[in-house]
Amino acid sequence: MALFIDVEVTPEAAADAEIAAKLAEVCPVDIFAVDDGGALEIVDANLDECVLCRLCIDAAPAGTVTVRKLYDGGAAL
């Protein structure tokens, strides 16, 4: 369980193989992975490694990825 950061991806974006691959590619700390079926997986063990770079937010369609700062009352990045 993450202590500092939570990442939410809409189910539609997580199921889209192209978006999943892009998120896995751009994340510098491997928060995202792609399963055998091409769907997105969030690697819970890496969530607190997030550097708040916004690359995932910028790589996905608007509103499909949300990064929340749990240490700041769950404020979205």
PDB file of N, CA and C in Angstrom:
ATOM      1  N   MET A   1       0.831  -1.187   0.000  1.00  0.00           N
ATOM      2  CA  MET A   1       0.000   0.000   0.000  1.00  0.00           C
ATOM      3  C   MET A   1       0.874   1.248   0.000  1.00  0.00           C
ATOM      4  N   ALA A   2       0.508   2.197  -0.823  1.00  0.00           N
ATOM      5  CA  ALA A   2       1.270   3.432  -0.942  1.00  0.00           C
ATOM      6  C   ALA A   2       0.993   4.344   0.247  1.00  0.00           C
ATOM      7  N   LEU A   3       2.014   5.050   0.671  1.00  0.00           N
ATOM      8  CA  LEU A   3       1.874   5.996   1.772  1.00  0.00           C
ATOM      9  C   LEU A   3       1.763   7.430   1.288  1.00  0.00           C
ATOM     10  N   PHE A   4       2.421   7.733   0.177  1.00  0.00           N
ATOM     11  CA  PHE A   4       2.532   9.120  -0.265  1.00  0.00           C
ATOM     12  C   PHE A   4       1.789   9.438  -1.554  1.00  0.00           C
ATOM     13  N   ILE A   5       1.741   8.483  -2.469  1.00  0.00           N
ATOM     14  CA  ILE A   5       1.201   8.726  -3.805  1.00  0.00           C
ATOM     15  C   ILE A   5       0.206   7.634  -4.170  1.00  0.00           C
ATOM     16  N   ASP A   6      -0.864   8.037  -4.850  1.00  0.00           N
ATOM     17  CA  ASP A   6      -1.788   7.079  -5.441  1.00  0.00           C
ATOM     18  C   ASP A   6      -1.995   7.492  -6.891  1.00  0.00           C
ATOM     19  N   VAL A   7      -2.109   6.527  -7.764  1.00  0.00           N
ATOM     20  CA  VAL A   7      -2.331   6.783  -9.178  1.00  0.00           C
ATOM     21  C   VAL A   7      -3.618   6.085  -9.591  1.00  0.00           C
ATOM     22  N   GLU A   8      -4.483   6.834 -10.246  1.00  0.00           N
ATOM     23  CA  GLU A   8      -5.744   6.286 -10.733  1.00  0.00           C
ATOM     24  C   GLU A   8      -5.761   6.407 -12.257  1.00  0.00           C
ATOM     25  N   VAL A   9      -6.194   5.341 -12.908  1.00  0.00           N
ATOM     26  CA  VAL A   9      -6.346   5.320 -14.364  1.00  0.00           C
ATOM     27  C   VAL A   9      -7.759   4.833 -14.645  1.00  0.00           C
ATOM     28  N   THR A  10      -8.467   5.522 -15.527  1.00  0.00           N
ATOM     29  CA  THR A  10      -9.828   5.095 -15.836  1.00  0.00           C
ATOM     30  C   THR A  10      -9.797   3.682 -16.415  1.00  0.00           C
ATOM     31  N   PRO A  11     -10.838   2.911 -16.168  1.00  0.00           N
ATOM     32  CA  PRO A  11     -10.885   1.540 -16.700  1.00  0.00           C
ATOM     33  C   PRO A  11     -10.740   1.487 -18.225  1.00  0.00           C
ATOM     34  N   GLU A  12     -11.324   2.458 -18.918  1.00  0.00           N
ATOM     35  CA  GLU A  12     -11.229   2.476 -20.384  1.00  0.00           C
ATOM     36  C   GLU A  12      -9.779   2.663 -20.841  1.00  0.00           C
ATOM     37  N   ALA A  13      -9.060   3.567 -20.188  1.00  0.00           N
ATOM     38  CA  ALA A  13      -7.659   3.800 -20.550  1.00  0.00           C
ATOM     39  C   ALA A  13      -6.803   2.601 -20.178  1.00  0.00           C
ATOM     40  N   ALA A  14      -7.068   2.002 -19.031  1.00  0.00           N
ATOM     41  CA  ALA A  14      -6.286   0.846 -18.586  1.00  0.00           C
ATOM     42  C   ALA A  14      -6.460  -0.350 -19.525  1.00  0.00           C
ATOM     43  N   ALA A  15      -7.616  -0.455 -20.157  1.00  0.00           N
ATOM     44  CA  ALA A  15      -7.884  -1.571 -21.068  1.00  0.00           C
ATOM     45  C   ALA A  15      -7.361  -1.328 -22.478  1.00  0.00           C
ATOM     46  N   ASP A  16      -6.953  -0.105 -22.769  1.00  0.00           N
ATOM     47  CA  ASP A  16      -6.475   0.253 -24.103  1.00  0.00           C
ATOM     48  C   ASP A  16      -4.984  -0.078 -24.205  1.00  0.00           C
ATOM     49  N   ALA A  17      -4.656  -1.049 -25.040  1.00  0.00           N
ATOM     50  CA  ALA A  17      -3.273  -1.524 -25.147  1.00  0.00           C
ATOM     51  C   ALA A  17      -2.304  -0.419 -25.548  1.00  0.00           C
ATOM     52  N   GLU A  18      -2.722   0.485 -26.410  1.00  0.00           N
ATOM     53  CA  GLU A  18      -1.839   1.569 -26.853  1.00  0.00           C
ATOM     54  C   GLU A  18      -1.531   2.535 -25.706  1.00  0.00           C
ATOM     55  N   ILE A  19      -2.551   2.897 -24.961  1.00  0.00           N
ATOM     56  CA  ILE A  19      -2.342   3.793 -23.813  1.00  0.00           C
ATOM     57  C   ILE A  19      -1.510   3.088 -22.748  1.00  0.00           C
ATOM     58  N   ALA A  20      -1.809   1.829 -22.477  1.00  0.00           N
ATOM     59  CA  ALA A  20      -1.057   1.067 -21.474  1.00  0.00           C
ATOM     60  C   ALA A  20       0.423   1.012 -21.824  1.00  0.00           C
ATOM     61  N   ALA A  21       0.726   0.733 -23.078  1.00  0.00           N
ATOM     62  CA  ALA A  21       2.123   0.662 -23.504  1.00  0.00           C
ATOM     63  C   ALA A  21       2.816   2.010 -23.366  1.00  0.00           C
ATOM     64  N   LYS A  22       2.125   3.079 -23.698  1.00  0.00           N
ATOM     65  CA  LYS A  22       2.705   4.421 -23.601  1.00  0.00           C
ATOM     66  C   LYS A  22       2.999   4.769 -22.146  1.00  0.00           C
ATOM     67  N   LEU A  23       2.061   4.474 -21.245  1.00  0.00           N
ATOM     68  CA  LEU A  23       2.289   4.767 -19.830  1.00  0.00           C
ATOM     69  C   LEU A  23       3.468   3.976 -19.281  1.00  0.00           C
ATOM     70  N   ALA A  24       3.553   2.707 -19.628  1.00  0.00           N
ATOM     71  CA  ALA A  24       4.677   1.883 -19.178  1.00  0.00           C
ATOM     72  C   ALA A  24       6.004   2.415 -19.723  1.00  0.00           C
ATOM     73  N   GLU A  25       5.963   2.949 -20.928  1.00  0.00           N
ATOM     74  CA  GLU A  25       7.169   3.483 -21.568  1.00  0.00           C
ATOM     75  C   GLU A  25       7.654   4.778 -20.915  1.00  0.00           C
ATOM     76  N   VAL A  26       6.736   5.677 -20.592  1.00  0.00           N
ATOM     77  CA  VAL A  26       7.156   7.009 -20.144  1.00  0.00           C
ATOM     78  C   VAL A  26       7.495   7.102 -18.666  1.00  0.00           C
ATOM     79  N   CYS A  27       7.000   6.193 -17.838  1.00  0.00           N
ATOM     80  CA  CYS A  27       7.210   6.311 -16.391  1.00  0.00           C
ATOM     81  C   CYS A  27       8.655   5.979 -16.015  1.00  0.00           C
ATOM     82  N   PRO A  28       9.374   6.940 -15.425  1.00  0.00           N
ATOM     83  CA  PRO A  28      10.783   6.700 -15.093  1.00  0.00           C
ATOM     84  C   PRO A  28      10.979   5.787 -13.880  1.00  0.00           C
ATOM     85  N   VAL A  29       9.925   5.501 -13.130  1.00  0.00           N
ATOM     86  CA  VAL A  29      10.071   4.666 -11.933  1.00  0.00           C
ATOM     87  C   VAL A  29       9.206   3.406 -11.992  1.00  0.00           C
ATOM     88  N   ASP A  30       8.774   3.023 -13.174  1.00  0.00           N
ATOM     89  CA  ASP A  30       8.084   1.751 -13.422  1.00  0.00           C
ATOM     90  C   ASP A  30       6.827   1.541 -12.575  1.00  0.00           C
ATOM     91  N   ILE A  31       6.005   2.569 -12.479  1.00  0.00           N
ATOM     92  CA  ILE A  31       4.723   2.435 -11.793  1.00  0.00           C
ATOM     93  C   ILE A  31       3.744   1.641 -12.659  1.00  0.00           C
ATOM     94  N   PHE A  32       3.925   1.691 -13.962  1.00  0.00           N
ATOM     95  CA  PHE A  32       3.003   1.030 -14.883  1.00  0.00           C
ATOM     96  C   PHE A  32       3.676  -0.155 -15.551  1.00  0.00           C
ATOM     97  N   ALA A  33       2.886  -1.214 -15.744  1.00  0.00           N
ATOM     98  CA  ALA A  33       3.330  -2.399 -16.477  1.00  0.00           C
ATOM     99  C   ALA A  33       2.168  -2.826 -17.375  1.00  0.00           C
ATOM    100  N   VAL A  34       2.467  -3.668 -18.343  1.00  0.00           N
ATOM    101  CA  VAL A  34       1.452  -4.173 -19.256  1.00  0.00           C
ATOM    102  C   VAL A  34       1.356  -5.677 -19.062  1.00  0.00           C
ATOM    103  N   ASP A  35       0.124  -6.168 -18.866  1.00  0.00           N
ATOM    104  CA  ASP A  35      -0.048  -7.612 -18.674  1.00  0.00           C
ATOM    105  C   ASP A  35      -0.021  -8.335 -20.016  1.00  0.00           C
ATOM    106  N   ASP A  36      -0.131  -9.644 -19.989  1.00  0.00           N
ATOM    107  CA  ASP A  36      -0.040 -10.453 -21.210  1.00  0.00           C
ATOM    108  C   ASP A  36      -1.132 -10.134 -22.219  1.00  0.00           C
ATOM    109  N   GLY A  37      -2.248  -9.606 -21.752  1.00  0.00           N
ATOM    110  CA  GLY A  37      -3.337  -9.250 -22.644  1.00  0.00           C
ATOM    111  C   GLY A  37      -3.264  -7.822 -23.160  1.00  0.00           C
ATOM    112  N   GLY A  38      -2.235  -7.082 -22.761  1.00  0.00           N
ATOM    113  CA  GLY A  38      -2.059  -5.706 -23.223  1.00  0.00           C
ATOM    114  C   GLY A  38      -2.693  -4.662 -22.326  1.00  0.00           C
ATOM    115  N   ALA A  39      -3.310  -5.085 -21.227  1.00  0.00           N
ATOM    116  CA  ALA A  39      -3.949  -4.138 -20.310  1.00  0.00           C
ATOM    117  C   ALA A  39      -2.941  -3.583 -19.317  1.00  0.00           C
ATOM    118  N   LEU A  40      -3.245  -2.430 -18.809  1.00  0.00           N
ATOM    119  CA  LEU A  40      -2.373  -1.741 -17.857  1.00  0.00           C
ATOM    120  C   LEU A  40      -2.470  -2.361 -16.473  1.00  0.00           C
ATOM    121  N   GLU A  41      -1.334  -2.466 -15.826  1.00  0.00           N
ATOM    122  CA  GLU A  41      -1.265  -2.841 -14.420  1.00  0.00           C
ATOM    123  C   GLU A  41      -0.515  -1.747 -13.688  1.00  0.00           C
ATOM    124  N   ILE A  42      -0.971  -1.406 -12.498  1.00  0.00           N
ATOM    125  CA  ILE A  42      -0.255  -0.454 -11.657  1.00  0.00           C
ATOM    126  C   ILE A  42       0.572  -1.267 -10.670  1.00  0.00           C
ATOM    127  N   VAL A  43       1.858  -0.983 -10.614  1.00  0.00           N
ATOM    128  CA  VAL A  43       2.776  -1.705  -9.741  1.00  0.00           C
ATOM    129  C   VAL A  43       2.771  -0.992  -8.388  1.00  0.00           C
ATOM    130  N   ASP A  44       1.949  -1.518  -7.475  1.00  0.00           N
ATOM    131  CA  ASP A  44       1.753  -0.875  -6.173  1.00  0.00           C
ATOM    132  C   ASP A  44       3.063  -0.644  -5.430  1.00  0.00           C
ATOM    133  N   ALA A  45       3.997  -1.564  -5.534  1.00  0.00           N
ATOM    134  CA  ALA A  45       5.260  -1.446  -4.816  1.00  0.00           C
ATOM    135  C   ALA A  45       6.075  -0.233  -5.265  1.00  0.00           C
ATOM    136  N   ASN A  46       5.784   0.304  -6.449  1.00  0.00           N
ATOM    137  CA  ASN A  46       6.551   1.432  -6.982  1.00  0.00           C
ATOM    138  C   ASN A  46       5.841   2.776  -6.836  1.00  0.00           C
ATOM    139  N   LEU A  47       4.617   2.789  -6.323  1.00  0.00           N
ATOM    140  CA  LEU A  47       3.861   4.040  -6.255  1.00  0.00           C
ATOM    141  C   LEU A  47       4.593   5.149  -5.511  1.00  0.00           C
ATOM    142  N   ASP A  48       5.183   4.825  -4.382  1.00  0.00           N
ATOM    143  CA  ASP A  48       5.851   5.861  -3.602  1.00  0.00           C
ATOM    144  C   ASP A  48       7.184   6.311  -4.202  1.00  0.00           C
ATOM    145  N   GLU A  49       7.575   5.710  -5.314  1.00  0.00           N
ATOM    146  CA  GLU A  49       8.770   6.160  -6.032  1.00  0.00           C
ATOM    147  C   GLU A  49       8.443   7.305  -6.988  1.00  0.00           C
ATOM    148  N   CYS A  50       7.180   7.618  -7.150  1.00  0.00           N
ATOM    149  CA  CYS A  50       6.742   8.668  -8.078  1.00  0.00           C
ATOM    150  C   CYS A  50       7.482   9.968  -7.807  1.00  0.00           C
ATOM    151  N   VAL A  51       7.969  10.582  -8.880  1.00  0.00           N
ATOM    152  CA  VAL A  51       8.711  11.841  -8.770  1.00  0.00           C
ATOM    153  C   VAL A  51       7.870  13.037  -9.224  1.00  0.00           C
ATOM    154  N   LEU A  52       6.561  12.805  -9.404  1.00  0.00           N
ATOM    155  CA  LEU A  52       5.623  13.861  -9.774  1.00  0.00           C
ATOM    156  C   LEU A  52       6.019  14.573 -11.067  1.00  0.00           C
ATOM    157  N   CYS A  53       6.512  13.807 -12.010  1.00  0.00           N
ATOM    158  CA  CYS A  53       7.004  14.380 -13.267  1.00  0.00           C
ATOM    159  C   CYS A  53       5.899  14.717 -14.269  1.00  0.00           C
ATOM    160  N   ARG A  54       4.692  14.166 -14.065  1.00  0.00           N
ATOM    161  CA  ARG A  54       3.532  14.391 -14.920  1.00  0.00           C
ATOM    162  C   ARG A  54       3.628  13.724 -16.295  1.00  0.00           C
ATOM    163  N   LEU A  55       4.635  12.926 -16.545  1.00  0.00           N
ATOM    164  CA  LEU A  55       4.770  12.289 -17.857  1.00  0.00           C
ATOM    165  C   LEU A  55       3.584  11.384 -18.156  1.00  0.00           C
ATOM    166  N   CYS A  56       3.071  10.686 -17.152  1.00  0.00           N
ATOM    167  CA  CYS A  56       1.923   9.808 -17.382  1.00  0.00           C
ATOM    168  C   CYS A  56       0.669  10.618 -17.702  1.00  0.00           C
ATOM    169  N   ILE A  57       0.492  11.722 -17.001  1.00  0.00           N
ATOM    170  CA  ILE A  57      -0.660  12.585 -17.242  1.00  0.00           C
ATOM    171  C   ILE A  57      -0.609  13.155 -18.653  1.00  0.00           C
ATOM    172  N   ASP A  58       0.571  13.572 -19.072  1.00  0.00           N
ATOM    173  CA  ASP A  58       0.739  14.159 -20.400  1.00  0.00           C
ATOM    174  C   ASP A  58       0.646  13.125 -21.521  1.00  0.00           C
ATOM    175  N   ALA A  59       0.974  11.861 -21.219  1.00  0.00           N
ATOM    176  CA  ALA A  59       0.995  10.813 -22.249  1.00  0.00           C
ATOM    177  C   ALA A  59      -0.387  10.222 -22.525  1.00  0.00           C
ATOM    178  N   ALA A  60      -1.299  10.394 -21.600  1.00  0.00           N
ATOM    179  CA  ALA A  60      -2.621   9.779 -21.732  1.00  0.00           C
ATOM    180  C   ALA A  60      -3.660  10.837 -22.099  1.00  0.00           C
ATOM    181  N   PRO A  61      -4.793  10.398 -22.640  1.00  0.00           N
ATOM    182  CA  PRO A  61      -5.864  11.349 -22.936  1.00  0.00           C
ATOM    183  C   PRO A  61      -6.276  12.121 -21.668  1.00  0.00           C
ATOM    184  N   ALA A  62      -6.651  13.348 -21.842  1.00  0.00           N
ATOM    185  CA  ALA A  62      -7.012  14.218 -20.716  1.00  0.00           C
ATOM    186  C   ALA A  62      -8.049  13.558 -19.814  1.00  0.00           C
ATOM    187  N   GLY A  63      -7.773  13.607 -18.527  1.00  0.00           N
ATOM    188  CA  GLY A  63      -8.710  13.101 -17.544  1.00  0.00           C
ATOM    189  C   GLY A  63      -8.666  11.610 -17.284  1.00  0.00           C
ATOM    190  N   THR A  64      -7.757  10.885 -17.928  1.00  0.00           N
ATOM    191  CA  THR A  64      -7.728   9.433 -17.754  1.00  0.00           C
ATOM    192  C   THR A  64      -6.733   8.973 -16.695  1.00  0.00           C
ATOM    193  N   VAL A  65      -5.748   9.810 -16.361  1.00  0.00           N
ATOM    194  CA  VAL A  65      -4.764   9.476 -15.330  1.00  0.00           C
ATOM    195  C   VAL A  65      -4.780  10.583 -14.281  1.00  0.00           C
ATOM    196  N   THR A  66      -4.877  10.165 -13.024  1.00  0.00           N
ATOM    197  CA  THR A  66      -4.836  11.116 -11.912  1.00  0.00           C
ATOM    198  C   THR A  66      -3.770  10.662 -10.931  1.00  0.00           C
ATOM    199  N   VAL A  67      -2.894  11.567 -10.566  1.00  0.00           N
ATOM    200  CA  VAL A  67      -1.880  11.305  -9.546  1.00  0.00           C
ATOM    201  C   VAL A  67      -2.301  12.091  -8.311  1.00  0.00           C
ATOM    202  N   ARG A  68      -2.448  11.382  -7.193  1.00  0.00           N
ATOM    203  CA  ARG A  68      -2.881  12.024  -5.949  1.00  0.00           C
ATOM    204  C   ARG A  68      -1.763  12.002  -4.909  1.00  0.00           C
ATOM    205  N   LYS A  69      -1.589  13.142  -4.270  1.00  0.00           N
ATOM    206  CA  LYS A  69      -0.609  13.280  -3.191  1.00  0.00           C
ATOM    207  C   LYS A  69      -1.325  12.962  -1.878  1.00  0.00           C
ATOM    208  N   LEU A  70      -1.133  11.760  -1.377  1.00  0.00           N
ATOM    209  CA  LEU A  70      -1.820  11.326  -0.163  1.00  0.00           C
ATOM    210  C   LEU A  70      -1.379  12.140   1.055  1.00  0.00           C
ATOM    211  N   TYR A  71      -0.155  12.655   1.007  1.00  0.00           N
ATOM    212  CA  TYR A  71       0.369  13.456   2.114  1.00  0.00           C
ATOM    213  C   TYR A  71      -0.210  14.861   2.121  1.00  0.00           C
ATOM    214  N   ASP A  72      -0.971  15.198   1.098  1.00  0.00           N
ATOM    215  CA  ASP A  72      -1.566  16.522   0.966  1.00  0.00           C
ATOM    216  C   ASP A  72      -3.092  16.405   0.844  1.00  0.00           C
ATOM    217  N   GLY A  73      -3.647  15.530   1.665  1.00  0.00           N
ATOM    218  CA  GLY A  73      -5.091  15.357   1.679  1.00  0.00           C
ATOM    219  C   GLY A  73      -5.663  14.747   0.419  1.00  0.00           C
ATOM    220  N   GLY A  74      -4.851  14.066  -0.369  1.00  0.00           N
ATOM    221  CA  GLY A  74      -5.320  13.449  -1.609  1.00  0.00           C
ATOM    222  C   GLY A  74      -5.428  14.417  -2.773  1.00  0.00           C
ATOM    223  N   ALA A  75      -4.750  15.560  -2.661  1.00  0.00           N
ATOM    224  CA  ALA A  75      -4.783  16.561  -3.730  1.00  0.00           C
ATOM    225  C   ALA A  75      -4.253  15.983  -5.032  1.00  0.00           C
ATOM    226  N   ALA A  76      -4.946  16.256  -6.107  1.00  0.00           N
ATOM    227  CA  ALA A  76      -4.509  15.798  -7.424  1.00  0.00           C
ATOM    228  C   ALA A  76      -3.366  16.668  -7.926  1.00  0.00           C
ATOM    229  N   LEU A  77      -2.449  16.045  -8.619  1.00  0.00           N
ATOM    230  CA  LEU A  77      -1.302  16.747  -9.202  1.00  0.00           C
ATOM    231  C   LEU A  77      -1.763  17.569 -10.382  1.00  0.00           C
TER     232      LEU A  77
END
